[in-house]
Amino acid sequence: MSNVREVTCQPSQRPALWFLVALGAVGVGLAVVRATYGSTLLDVWLGIGVLLALLGVGALCAVTAEVTADAHGLHFRKLLRRRSVPWADVADLRVRLLRTNSNRVREVRRISLLLHNGRTALLPLPQAFSGYASDFDAKWEALRALHREYGAPASDHVPVVSYRTAGQGWAGSLTVCALLLALAGGTACFVPAVASYEHAWKSAAPCPAGTPTTERGACLTTQPAVIARTEAHSPKQTSWLYFTENRPLARLAVSQDAAQAFQAGASVELTVWRGEVREVAGKHYVWRDHVPTGRSVAVIAAAFALAAGYPAAQVLLRLRGRRLPDDEVIPSALPFAGALAGTAGWLLPLCYVHFTTLLSPPVAITWAVVGSLCTLGLFALAWRATRVRTPGEVGANDGGAGEAATDEEVFVAACFLEPTDYNPYHFGTHIVLGGGPPAVTPHAGPGRFAAKRIPVQRLTVKNVRRARGSDGDEIPRSWHVAELDDAGTPVRLAAAPSDLTRVIRELAAAKTPAASPHQPSGFHSRAGETTKVKR
């Protein structure tokens, strides 16, 4: 067919990538030559060749990637793999946001395929890096147009899947949780041994006179020494004491304060236990080596276990929201972090005080029971705070959103997500209600300084929904979004559920002053008709 459109996505900067491929080929040759004729495995040129070879392989994978779309479907290839997916098998095309740790690149946008069998596939191209110009949007729109023409998209909007949405996998959080629990269990296994070592050190006595050298490990011996010089470094580095004639040892690692306190030529006395110097006593300063305690190890193990609770809460929330659309934002796990912090307030002191007898003394049992009840209450509150609230549920249960308008100014945290004449450059952070017409302000009051009046006559509510990944990361996860029509232009208004219900009612009241204040929240007047908000 002559009118069949075709979209081709190839990597940008292809000359630079081919140059890196050539550089990698040079690295392979260099590595082979040095491995054949080099004298040692730790050869500098061999390492450079291997690094260049790895760089060349990565560049080759990038330069050979290609995605082509036509009437038959999507065709994408990588270095060693080719795959074709017909449009009939594609349920939806979604934008996938990947976060990075780079200061220059905060996120990477890619396209993800959702197939009818429930599986997903990430296209190698196109890609967009934040802070860099890209034709990602043009390619994305072209692919969506082909899918609408030759397929059946499951959504009429742009689904965006990010770390905040339900479509993000939970395997990473589960892995982190398992690792932290393994660290907690491994650390707890060392508590008895560390406690025994600590007890032996505290109960060690000076060796009696005439004790054989082979039997002095369990008792304390003292030896005189003279400091030759000191090296004081920053707290992140090790400081050293050097002794004259390397007697009884060449040098000793100490703290920065000890290295600064002792002077060259000073006579000191060393206390040795089990073949290690545990104490250096001078005329004006005494340094003691840190001996780990069973209490501290028990506290560390408990801290690891508590830290594992946060990724476990993230997994729980994703399982709880598994019925949500993949691009809907799920609640934050921060309420569970508060519950874990409250648990740490009683669990860590308990592990410190009763680190070997957690379930023996009545005081410890009472402590654990009362603390567990408090933790249960905190987690119940966190579970309630992270429930998924639908707009219909909010409208039915909110008791204060239907109050009649008053002359008192009320500032509500809300923001329009698009720049408009009443929200230029996204400057608005609050909406002021009462005391005049509704207006957008860049502050929380008091006063209407820099306020922009909202043209309520132009606005019509189309839908109220939960936040999606396409709404951005600027709004809190618990907010809802109202989709408005601004004289033919779609506009989104975001606020907390109860605040959004109140704002919508106030806007409707300002638009139709004759409307009854007891009108249900799901209905708004438009040109004498009643329009129901979709839920």
Protein backbone atom coordinates (compact mmCIF):
# COMPACT_ATOMS: atom_id res chain seq x y z
CA MET A 1 0.00 0.00 0.00
CA SER A 2 1.42 3.37 -0.99
CA ASN A 3 -0.26 5.27 1.87
CA VAL A 4 1.15 3.09 4.66
CA ARG A 5 3.07 5.14 7.14
CA GLU A 6 6.26 3.89 8.70
CA VAL A 7 8.11 5.08 11.78
CA THR A 8 11.80 4.34 12.25
CA CYS A 9 13.69 4.99 15.48
CA GLN A 10 17.47 4.92 15.41
CA PRO A 11 19.99 6.03 18.01
CA SER A 12 21.19 9.60 17.88
CA GLN A 13 24.90 10.44 17.63
CA ARG A 14 25.58 7.42 15.40
CA PRO A 15 29.02 8.74 14.26
CA ALA A 16 30.14 9.04 17.86
CA LEU A 17 28.91 5.52 18.63
CA TRP A 18 30.73 4.07 15.61
CA PHE A 19 33.88 5.86 16.76
CA LEU A 20 33.53 4.14 20.16
CA VAL A 21 33.05 0.81 18.38
CA ALA A 22 36.29 1.36 16.47
CA LEU A 23 37.99 2.34 19.70
CA GLY A 24 36.72 -0.88 21.26
CA ALA A 25 38.18 -2.89 18.37
CA VAL A 26 41.53 -1.22 19.02
CA GLY A 27 41.14 -2.14 22.69
CA VAL A 28 40.52 -5.79 21.79
CA GLY A 29 43.68 -5.86 19.70
CA LEU A 30 45.68 -4.21 22.44
CA ALA A 31 44.37 -6.66 25.05
CA VAL A 32 45.20 -9.65 22.84
CA VAL A 33 48.75 -8.40 22.17
CA ARG A 34 49.47 -7.63 25.81
CA ALA A 35 47.95 -10.93 26.98
CA THR A 36 50.15 -12.79 24.50
CA TYR A 37 53.42 -10.95 25.03
CA GLY A 38 52.88 -9.23 28.36
CA SER A 39 54.94 -10.32 31.33
CA THR A 40 52.25 -10.10 34.04
CA LEU A 41 48.50 -10.26 34.27
CA LEU A 42 48.40 -6.92 36.10
CA ASP A 43 49.63 -5.07 33.05
CA VAL A 44 48.43 -1.46 32.69
CA TRP A 45 48.03 -1.66 28.91
CA LEU A 46 46.10 -4.92 29.25
CA GLY A 47 43.65 -3.22 31.60
CA ILE A 48 43.25 -0.28 29.22
CA GLY A 49 42.57 -2.67 26.35
CA VAL A 50 39.91 -4.55 28.32
CA LEU A 51 38.19 -1.30 29.31
CA LEU A 52 38.17 -0.07 25.71
CA ALA A 53 36.81 -3.44 24.58
CA LEU A 54 33.94 -3.26 27.06
CA LEU A 55 33.21 0.29 25.98
CA GLY A 56 33.14 -0.82 22.36
CA VAL A 57 30.72 -3.67 23.10
CA GLY A 58 28.34 -1.26 24.83
CA ALA A 59 28.55 1.18 21.91
CA LEU A 60 27.95 -1.66 19.43
CA CYS A 61 24.80 -2.71 21.32
CA ALA A 62 23.57 0.88 21.21
CA VAL A 63 24.37 1.62 17.56
CA THR A 64 22.73 -1.57 16.24
CA ALA A 65 19.45 -1.03 18.10
CA GLU A 66 16.53 -0.05 15.87
CA VAL A 67 12.73 0.08 16.10
CA THR A 68 10.46 0.15 13.05
CA ALA A 69 6.67 0.42 13.04
CA ASP A 70 4.34 -0.03 10.06
CA ALA A 71 0.88 -1.32 9.30
CA HIS A 72 1.84 -4.85 10.34
CA GLY A 73 3.18 -4.01 13.79
CA LEU A 74 6.37 -3.21 15.65
CA HIS A 75 9.75 -4.60 14.64
CA PHE A 76 12.71 -4.01 16.95
CA ARG A 77 16.17 -5.45 17.02
CA LYS A 78 19.21 -5.48 19.23
CA LEU A 79 22.71 -6.77 18.69
CA LEU A 80 21.84 -10.46 18.85
CA ARG A 81 18.04 -10.48 18.78
CA ARG A 82 15.19 -9.52 16.47
CA ARG A 83 11.51 -9.49 17.35
CA SER A 84 8.23 -8.49 15.70
CA VAL A 85 4.94 -7.83 17.48
CA PRO A 86 1.73 -7.36 15.43
CA TRP A 87 -0.60 -4.55 16.44
CA ALA A 88 -3.30 -7.10 17.27
CA ASP A 89 -1.15 -8.36 20.17
CA VAL A 90 -0.43 -4.88 21.57
CA ALA A 91 -2.93 -3.77 24.20
CA ASP A 92 -1.33 -0.41 24.90
CA LEU A 93 1.75 1.75 24.45
CA ARG A 94 2.99 3.29 27.66
CA VAL A 95 5.71 5.72 28.70
CA ARG A 96 8.12 4.27 31.24
CA LEU A 97 10.01 6.68 33.51
CA LEU A 98 13.29 5.32 34.86
CA ARG A 99 15.05 7.21 37.63
CA THR A 100 18.83 7.64 37.67
CA ASN A 101 21.36 8.77 40.27
CA SER A 102 23.08 11.19 37.94
CA ASN A 103 22.94 14.91 38.74
CA ARG A 104 22.63 15.81 35.06
CA VAL A 105 20.14 13.09 34.05
CA ARG A 106 17.34 12.77 36.59
CA GLU A 107 15.10 10.44 34.57
CA VAL A 108 14.98 8.48 31.33
CA ARG A 109 11.80 8.11 29.28
CA ARG A 110 11.23 4.98 27.25
CA ILE A 111 8.28 3.23 25.63
CA SER A 112 6.84 0.04 27.09
CA LEU A 113 4.51 -2.38 25.31
CA LEU A 114 1.61 -3.95 27.18
CA LEU A 115 0.55 -7.13 25.41
CA HIS A 116 -2.88 -8.74 25.62
CA ASN A 117 -1.40 -11.72 27.49
CA GLY A 118 -0.36 -9.40 30.32
CA ARG A 119 3.34 -9.36 29.53
CA THR A 120 5.35 -6.20 28.96
CA ALA A 121 8.27 -5.41 26.69
CA LEU A 122 10.55 -2.36 26.81
CA LEU A 123 11.46 -0.93 23.42
CA PRO A 124 15.16 -0.09 23.01
CA LEU A 125 14.23 3.13 21.20
CA PRO A 126 13.26 5.93 21.37
CA GLN A 127 14.79 7.27 24.57
CA ALA A 128 14.71 10.70 26.14
CA PHE A 129 17.07 11.95 28.84
CA SER A 130 16.03 14.84 31.05
CA GLY A 131 18.01 17.95 30.24
CA TYR A 132 18.77 16.90 26.64
CA ALA A 133 16.83 17.72 23.47
CA SER A 134 15.11 14.73 21.89
CA ASP A 135 12.47 13.83 19.32
CA PHE A 136 10.88 11.40 21.77
CA ASP A 137 7.48 13.13 21.80
CA ALA A 138 7.24 13.15 18.00
CA LYS A 139 8.15 9.45 17.77
CA TRP A 140 5.75 8.62 20.58
CA GLU A 141 2.86 10.40 18.89
CA ALA A 142 3.62 8.68 15.58
CA LEU A 143 3.62 5.24 17.24
CA ARG A 144 0.36 6.02 19.05
CA ALA A 145 -1.21 7.12 15.75
CA LEU A 146 -0.21 3.85 14.08
CA HIS A 147 -1.58 1.87 17.02
CA ARG A 148 -4.89 3.73 16.89
CA GLU A 149 -5.15 3.11 13.15
CA TYR A 150 -4.19 -0.55 13.00
CA GLY A 151 -4.81 -1.69 16.57
CA ALA A 152 -7.12 -1.14 19.54
CA PRO A 153 -5.51 0.91 22.35
CA ALA A 154 -6.80 0.03 25.80
CA SER A 155 -6.59 3.63 27.06
CA ASP A 156 -7.57 6.96 25.58
CA HIS A 157 -4.89 8.86 27.51
CA VAL A 158 -1.12 8.60 27.75
CA PRO A 159 -0.28 5.95 30.40
CA VAL A 160 2.91 6.83 32.26
CA VAL A 161 4.44 4.17 34.52
CA SER A 162 6.97 5.38 37.08
CA TYR A 163 8.28 4.43 40.52
CA ARG A 164 5.11 6.00 42.01
CA THR A 165 2.58 4.00 40.03
CA ALA A 166 1.02 0.57 40.45
CA GLY A 167 2.68 -0.81 37.32
CA GLN A 168 6.17 -0.57 38.80
CA GLY A 169 7.45 -4.00 39.81
CA TRP A 170 8.10 -4.90 43.44
CA ALA A 171 10.92 -7.41 42.88
CA GLY A 172 13.56 -4.79 43.77
CA SER A 173 11.89 -3.89 47.07
CA LEU A 174 11.49 -7.57 47.92
CA THR A 175 15.19 -8.18 47.23
CA VAL A 176 16.23 -5.26 49.45
CA CYS A 177 13.94 -6.55 52.21
CA ALA A 178 15.44 -10.05 51.99
CA LEU A 179 18.99 -8.67 52.10
CA LEU A 180 18.26 -6.53 55.16
CA LEU A 181 16.62 -9.47 56.94
CA ALA A 182 19.64 -11.64 56.12
CA LEU A 183 21.91 -8.94 57.57
CA ALA A 184 19.73 -8.77 60.67
CA GLY A 185 19.86 -12.55 61.16
CA GLY A 186 23.58 -12.75 60.51
CA THR A 187 24.31 -9.90 62.93
CA ALA A 188 22.10 -11.45 65.61
CA CYS A 189 24.10 -14.69 65.37
CA PHE A 190 27.21 -12.80 66.51
CA VAL A 191 25.59 -11.44 69.68
CA PRO A 192 26.56 -14.39 71.98
CA ALA A 193 30.16 -14.49 70.73
CA VAL A 194 30.60 -10.72 71.03
CA ALA A 195 29.03 -10.73 74.50
CA SER A 196 31.40 -13.51 75.59
CA TYR A 197 34.39 -11.59 74.21
CA GLU A 198 33.26 -8.44 76.02
CA HIS A 199 32.86 -10.32 79.31
CA ALA A 200 36.31 -11.86 78.98
CA TRP A 201 37.88 -8.43 78.42
CA LYS A 202 36.10 -6.86 81.40
CA SER A 203 37.03 -9.75 83.71
CA ALA A 204 40.67 -9.96 82.58
CA ALA A 205 43.19 -9.41 85.41
CA PRO A 206 46.92 -8.60 85.33
CA CYS A 207 49.12 -11.60 84.81
CA PRO A 208 50.79 -12.85 88.03
CA ALA A 209 54.56 -12.70 88.21
CA GLY A 210 56.24 -15.66 86.58
CA THR A 211 53.37 -16.47 84.21
CA PRO A 212 54.76 -18.25 81.13
CA THR A 213 54.56 -16.36 77.86
CA THR A 214 52.33 -19.03 76.30
CA GLU A 215 49.73 -18.54 79.04
CA ARG A 216 49.53 -14.75 78.99
CA GLY A 217 46.74 -14.58 76.43
CA ALA A 218 43.91 -14.54 78.97
CA CYS A 219 45.48 -11.99 81.33
CA LEU A 220 46.78 -8.44 80.98
CA THR A 221 50.44 -7.61 80.49
CA THR A 222 52.06 -4.18 80.41
CA GLN A 223 55.08 -3.13 78.41
CA PRO A 224 56.94 0.19 78.32
CA ALA A 225 57.50 1.92 74.98
CA VAL A 226 58.70 5.23 73.56
CA ILE A 227 56.84 7.01 70.79
CA ALA A 228 59.05 7.84 67.82
CA ARG A 229 56.52 9.90 65.85
CA THR A 230 52.81 10.24 65.18
CA GLU A 231 50.65 10.62 62.08
CA ALA A 232 47.30 12.35 62.65
CA HIS A 233 44.84 12.14 59.76
CA SER A 234 41.21 13.05 59.28
CA PRO A 235 38.58 11.00 61.15
CA LYS A 236 37.82 9.06 57.94
CA GLN A 237 41.46 7.91 57.75
CA THR A 238 43.57 5.91 60.19
CA SER A 239 46.00 7.73 62.46
CA TRP A 240 49.20 6.02 63.65
CA LEU A 241 51.64 5.88 66.57
CA TYR A 242 55.20 4.79 65.68
CA PHE A 243 57.52 3.35 68.36
CA THR A 244 61.29 3.56 68.65
CA GLU A 245 63.22 0.50 67.54
CA ASN A 246 59.89 -1.06 66.53
CA ARG A 247 59.44 -2.24 70.11
CA PRO A 248 57.12 -3.84 71.07
CA LEU A 249 55.65 -3.22 67.59
CA ALA A 250 56.35 -0.95 64.66
CA ARG A 251 53.14 1.11 64.70
CA LEU A 252 49.65 1.13 66.17
CA ALA A 253 46.40 2.40 64.65
CA VAL A 254 44.73 4.94 66.96
CA SER A 255 42.16 7.71 66.77
CA GLN A 256 42.91 11.20 65.53
CA ASP A 257 42.70 12.66 69.05
CA ALA A 258 45.21 10.13 70.37
CA ALA A 259 47.68 10.86 67.57
CA GLN A 260 47.43 14.56 68.34
CA ALA A 261 47.69 14.08 72.13
CA PHE A 262 50.85 11.94 72.16
CA GLN A 263 54.15 13.62 71.31
CA ALA A 264 57.36 12.22 69.86
CA GLY A 265 59.75 11.02 72.56
CA ALA A 266 57.00 10.47 75.15
CA SER A 267 57.21 7.37 77.31
CA VAL A 268 54.00 5.34 77.41
CA GLU A 269 52.80 2.07 78.86
CA LEU A 270 51.06 -0.46 76.60
CA THR A 271 48.45 -2.89 77.91
CA VAL A 272 48.38 -6.11 75.89
CA TRP A 273 45.55 -8.67 75.94
CA ARG A 274 45.38 -11.74 73.72
CA GLY A 275 48.33 -10.51 71.72
CA GLU A 276 46.79 -7.11 70.88
CA VAL A 277 47.45 -3.67 72.33
CA ARG A 278 44.27 -2.54 74.02
CA GLU A 279 45.47 0.54 75.88
CA VAL A 280 48.18 3.20 75.58
CA ALA A 281 48.67 5.21 78.76
CA GLY A 282 50.74 8.38 78.75
CA LYS A 283 51.34 11.11 81.29
CA HIS A 284 48.39 13.25 80.22
CA TYR A 285 46.32 11.01 77.91
CA VAL A 286 45.07 7.43 77.82
CA TRP A 287 43.86 5.78 74.64
CA ARG A 288 41.72 2.65 74.82
CA ASP A 289 40.83 0.46 71.88
CA HIS A 290 37.14 0.04 71.18
CA VAL A 291 35.83 -3.37 72.15
CA PRO A 292 32.47 -4.25 70.54
CA THR A 293 29.69 -5.04 72.99
CA GLY A 294 26.85 -7.49 72.75
CA ARG A 295 24.40 -4.64 73.36
CA SER A 296 25.58 -2.66 70.35
CA VAL A 297 25.50 -5.72 68.08
CA ALA A 298 21.95 -6.55 69.24
CA VAL A 299 20.85 -2.98 68.53
CA ILE A 300 22.41 -3.13 65.05
CA ALA A 301 20.59 -6.39 64.31
CA ALA A 302 17.28 -4.87 65.43
CA ALA A 303 17.95 -1.78 63.31
CA PHE A 304 18.51 -3.96 60.23
CA ALA A 305 15.23 -5.78 60.92
CA LEU A 306 13.36 -2.47 61.27
CA ALA A 307 14.96 -1.14 58.09
CA ALA A 308 13.68 -4.22 56.25
CA GLY A 309 10.18 -3.17 57.20
CA TYR A 310 10.15 -0.20 54.81
CA PRO A 311 10.73 -2.15 51.57
CA ALA A 312 8.34 -4.77 52.94
CA ALA A 313 5.72 -2.00 53.28
CA GLN A 314 6.39 -0.97 49.68
CA VAL A 315 5.77 -4.55 48.54
CA LEU A 316 2.60 -4.67 50.63
CA LEU A 317 1.25 -1.46 49.09
CA ARG A 318 1.93 -2.68 45.56
CA LEU A 319 0.17 -5.97 46.30
CA ARG A 320 -2.67 -3.99 47.84
CA GLY A 321 -2.98 -1.88 44.71
CA ARG A 322 -2.58 -4.72 42.22
CA ARG A 323 -6.14 -4.13 40.92
CA LEU A 324 -5.39 -0.50 40.09
CA PRO A 325 -4.45 0.57 36.56
CA ASP A 326 -0.71 0.44 36.01
CA ASP A 327 -0.41 4.22 35.61
CA GLU A 328 -2.31 5.17 38.79
CA VAL A 329 -0.25 6.48 41.68
CA ILE A 330 -0.24 4.26 44.75
CA PRO A 331 -0.08 5.69 48.30
CA SER A 332 3.28 6.44 49.84
CA ALA A 333 4.87 4.07 52.35
CA LEU A 334 5.91 6.96 54.63
CA PRO A 335 3.13 6.25 57.19
CA PHE A 336 4.67 2.80 57.66
CA ALA A 337 8.06 4.47 58.07
CA GLY A 338 6.53 6.47 60.94
CA ALA A 339 5.22 3.25 62.47
CA LEU A 340 8.67 1.69 62.17
CA ALA A 341 10.23 4.76 63.79
CA GLY A 342 7.77 4.45 66.66
CA THR A 343 8.66 0.78 66.99
CA ALA A 344 12.34 1.67 67.11
CA GLY A 345 11.57 3.94 70.08
CA TRP A 346 10.84 0.93 72.31
CA LEU A 347 12.53 -2.00 70.52
CA LEU A 348 16.08 -0.60 70.32
CA PRO A 349 16.24 0.31 74.05
CA LEU A 350 14.82 -3.13 74.89
CA CYS A 351 17.53 -4.84 72.82
CA TYR A 352 20.18 -2.67 74.48
CA VAL A 353 19.09 -3.32 78.05
CA HIS A 354 18.02 -6.97 77.73
CA PHE A 355 20.09 -8.08 74.79
CA THR A 356 20.61 -11.63 76.14
CA THR A 357 17.37 -12.03 78.14
CA LEU A 358 14.64 -10.59 75.90
CA LEU A 359 11.98 -13.07 77.08
CA SER A 360 13.18 -13.90 80.59
CA PRO A 361 12.66 -11.06 83.11
CA PRO A 362 9.06 -9.94 83.77
CA VAL A 363 10.10 -6.35 83.07
CA ALA A 364 11.31 -7.28 79.59
CA ILE A 365 8.15 -9.26 78.84
CA THR A 366 5.93 -6.38 79.97
CA TRP A 367 8.06 -3.96 77.96
CA ALA A 368 7.74 -6.11 74.83
CA VAL A 369 3.96 -6.62 75.22
CA VAL A 370 3.19 -2.93 75.72
CA GLY A 371 5.50 -1.96 72.87
CA SER A 372 3.95 -4.55 70.55
CA LEU A 373 0.47 -3.16 71.27
CA CYS A 374 1.69 0.35 70.46
CA THR A 375 3.27 -0.93 67.25
CA LEU A 376 0.04 -2.69 66.30
CA GLY A 377 -1.86 0.55 66.75
CA LEU A 378 0.69 2.50 64.69
CA PHE A 379 0.52 0.00 61.86
CA ALA A 380 -3.29 0.06 61.94
CA LEU A 381 -3.15 3.85 61.54
CA ALA A 382 -0.61 3.49 58.71
CA TRP A 383 -2.83 0.92 57.00
CA ARG A 384 -5.78 3.29 57.17
CA ALA A 385 -3.73 6.27 55.99
CA THR A 386 -2.51 4.36 52.92
CA ARG A 387 -5.89 3.07 51.78
CA VAL A 388 -6.88 3.78 48.20
CA ARG A 389 -9.55 6.48 48.23
CA THR A 390 -11.73 6.85 45.17
CA PRO A 391 -13.37 10.18 44.29
CA GLY A 392 -16.82 8.67 44.88
CA GLU A 393 -15.82 7.54 48.37
CA VAL A 394 -14.50 11.01 49.22
CA GLY A 395 -17.66 12.74 48.02
CA ALA A 396 -19.84 10.42 50.08
CA ASN A 397 -17.86 10.50 53.32
CA ASP A 398 -16.58 14.06 53.45
CA GLY A 399 -18.61 16.03 55.91
CA GLY A 400 -17.10 19.47 55.65
CA ALA A 401 -16.72 19.94 51.94
CA GLY A 402 -20.33 20.89 51.42
CA GLU A 403 -20.29 23.94 53.68
CA ALA A 404 -21.77 27.08 52.26
CA ALA A 405 -19.48 29.85 51.13
CA THR A 406 -18.61 32.48 53.72
CA ASP A 407 -17.00 35.90 53.67
CA GLU A 408 -13.89 34.56 55.42
CA GLU A 409 -10.92 33.82 53.19
CA VAL A 410 -9.82 30.18 53.20
CA PHE A 411 -6.58 29.13 51.49
CA VAL A 412 -6.63 25.58 50.14
CA ALA A 413 -3.48 23.79 48.94
CA ALA A 414 -4.25 23.09 45.28
CA CYS A 415 -2.58 23.67 41.93
CA PHE A 416 -3.42 23.70 38.25
CA LEU A 417 -1.08 21.39 36.37
CA GLU A 418 -1.15 23.43 33.14
CA PRO A 419 0.07 27.01 32.70
CA THR A 420 -2.89 29.31 32.03
CA ASP A 421 -3.63 33.03 32.18
CA TYR A 422 -4.69 32.58 35.82
CA ASN A 423 -1.77 30.22 36.56
CA PRO A 424 1.17 31.68 34.59
CA TYR A 425 4.38 29.66 34.71
CA HIS A 426 2.74 27.25 37.21
CA PHE A 427 3.08 29.91 39.91
CA GLY A 428 -0.02 28.90 41.88
CA THR A 429 0.27 26.77 45.00
CA HIS A 430 -3.06 27.60 46.70
CA ILE A 431 -6.62 28.58 45.84
CA VAL A 432 -8.33 31.20 47.99
CA LEU A 433 -12.05 30.73 48.62
CA GLY A 434 -14.42 33.20 50.28
CA GLY A 435 -14.07 36.93 50.67
CA GLY A 436 -14.38 37.39 46.92
CA PRO A 437 -14.19 35.33 43.74
CA PRO A 438 -12.02 32.18 43.76
CA ALA A 439 -8.43 32.96 42.82
CA VAL A 440 -5.04 31.29 42.42
CA THR A 441 -2.28 32.49 44.76
CA PRO A 442 1.44 31.63 45.09
CA HIS A 443 1.20 31.63 48.89
CA ALA A 444 -0.92 30.36 51.77
CA GLY A 445 -2.16 33.80 52.83
CA PRO A 446 -3.29 35.89 54.46
CA GLY A 447 -4.36 38.41 51.85
CA ARG A 448 -4.81 38.20 48.11
CA PHE A 449 -1.41 39.52 47.12
CA ALA A 450 -0.50 38.44 43.55
CA ALA A 451 -3.79 36.53 43.28
CA LYS A 452 -5.13 35.63 39.83
CA ARG A 453 -8.90 35.39 39.51
CA ILE A 454 -10.20 32.06 38.21
CA PRO A 455 -12.59 32.49 35.25
CA VAL A 456 -15.22 30.13 36.65
CA GLN A 457 -17.62 30.80 33.76
CA ARG A 458 -15.16 29.13 31.38
CA LEU A 459 -14.57 26.03 33.50
CA THR A 460 -16.60 22.82 33.38
CA VAL A 461 -15.81 19.70 35.39
CA LYS A 462 -15.45 16.63 33.19
CA ASN A 463 -14.04 14.00 35.53
CA VAL A 464 -12.52 13.52 38.97
CA ARG A 465 -9.94 10.75 39.32
CA ARG A 466 -6.96 9.58 41.28
CA ALA A 467 -3.49 10.83 40.38
CA ARG A 468 -1.66 9.17 37.48
CA GLY A 469 1.95 8.95 36.48
CA SER A 470 1.36 11.50 33.71
CA ASP A 471 0.46 14.11 36.33
CA GLY A 472 4.10 14.38 37.38
CA ASP A 473 5.94 13.96 40.66
CA GLU A 474 5.21 17.45 42.00
CA ILE A 475 1.86 16.58 43.56
CA PRO A 476 1.55 14.33 46.62
CA ARG A 477 0.49 10.73 46.06
CA SER A 478 -2.71 11.12 48.08
CA TRP A 479 -4.11 13.97 45.95
CA HIS A 480 -6.89 13.62 43.40
CA VAL A 481 -7.10 15.33 40.03
CA ALA A 482 -10.11 17.06 38.48
CA GLU A 483 -10.17 17.21 34.69
CA LEU A 484 -11.70 20.52 33.62
CA ASP A 485 -12.65 22.06 30.31
CA ASP A 486 -11.44 25.65 30.00
CA ALA A 487 -13.35 26.92 26.94
CA GLY A 488 -12.24 23.92 24.92
CA THR A 489 -8.79 23.53 26.51
CA PRO A 490 -8.28 20.60 28.92
CA VAL A 491 -6.98 21.70 32.32
CA ARG A 492 -6.15 19.60 35.38
CA LEU A 493 -6.64 20.73 38.99
CA ALA A 494 -4.93 18.73 41.77
CA ALA A 495 -5.62 18.87 45.51
CA ALA A 496 -6.24 16.66 48.51
CA PRO A 497 -9.51 14.68 48.10
CA SER A 498 -11.60 16.69 50.57
CA ASP A 499 -10.06 20.00 49.47
CA LEU A 500 -10.68 19.20 45.82
CA THR A 501 -14.34 18.43 46.54
CA ARG A 502 -14.68 21.75 48.33
CA VAL A 503 -12.94 23.70 45.57
CA ILE A 504 -15.17 22.16 42.89
CA ARG A 505 -18.29 23.04 44.86
CA GLU A 506 -17.09 26.59 45.44
CA LEU A 507 -16.31 27.01 41.75
CA ALA A 508 -19.76 25.70 40.86
CA ALA A 509 -21.38 28.04 43.40
CA ALA A 510 -19.44 31.01 41.99
CA LYS A 511 -20.48 30.03 38.47
CA THR A 512 -24.17 29.64 39.31
CA PRO A 513 -24.92 31.76 42.41
CA ALA A 514 -28.56 30.68 42.39
CA ALA A 515 -27.72 27.01 42.84
CA SER A 516 -28.75 25.33 46.05
CA PRO A 517 -25.95 24.87 48.58
CA HIS A 518 -27.26 21.36 49.24
CA GLN A 519 -26.65 20.25 45.65
CA PRO A 520 -24.74 16.89 45.60
CA SER A 521 -21.02 17.11 45.01
CA GLY A 522 -21.16 14.95 41.89
CA PHE A 523 -23.35 17.41 39.95
CA HIS A 524 -22.55 20.86 38.56
CA SER A 525 -24.68 23.20 36.53
CA ARG A 526 -23.82 24.14 33.00
CA ALA A 527 -26.11 26.36 30.93
CA GLY A 528 -29.18 25.24 32.85
CA GLU A 529 -28.29 21.53 32.66
CA THR A 530 -26.86 19.14 35.24
CA THR A 531 -23.62 17.32 34.43
CA LYS A 532 -22.50 14.40 36.54
CA VAL A 533 -18.84 13.98 37.38
CA LYS A 534 -17.46 10.61 36.30
CA ARG A 535 -16.05 8.48 39.08
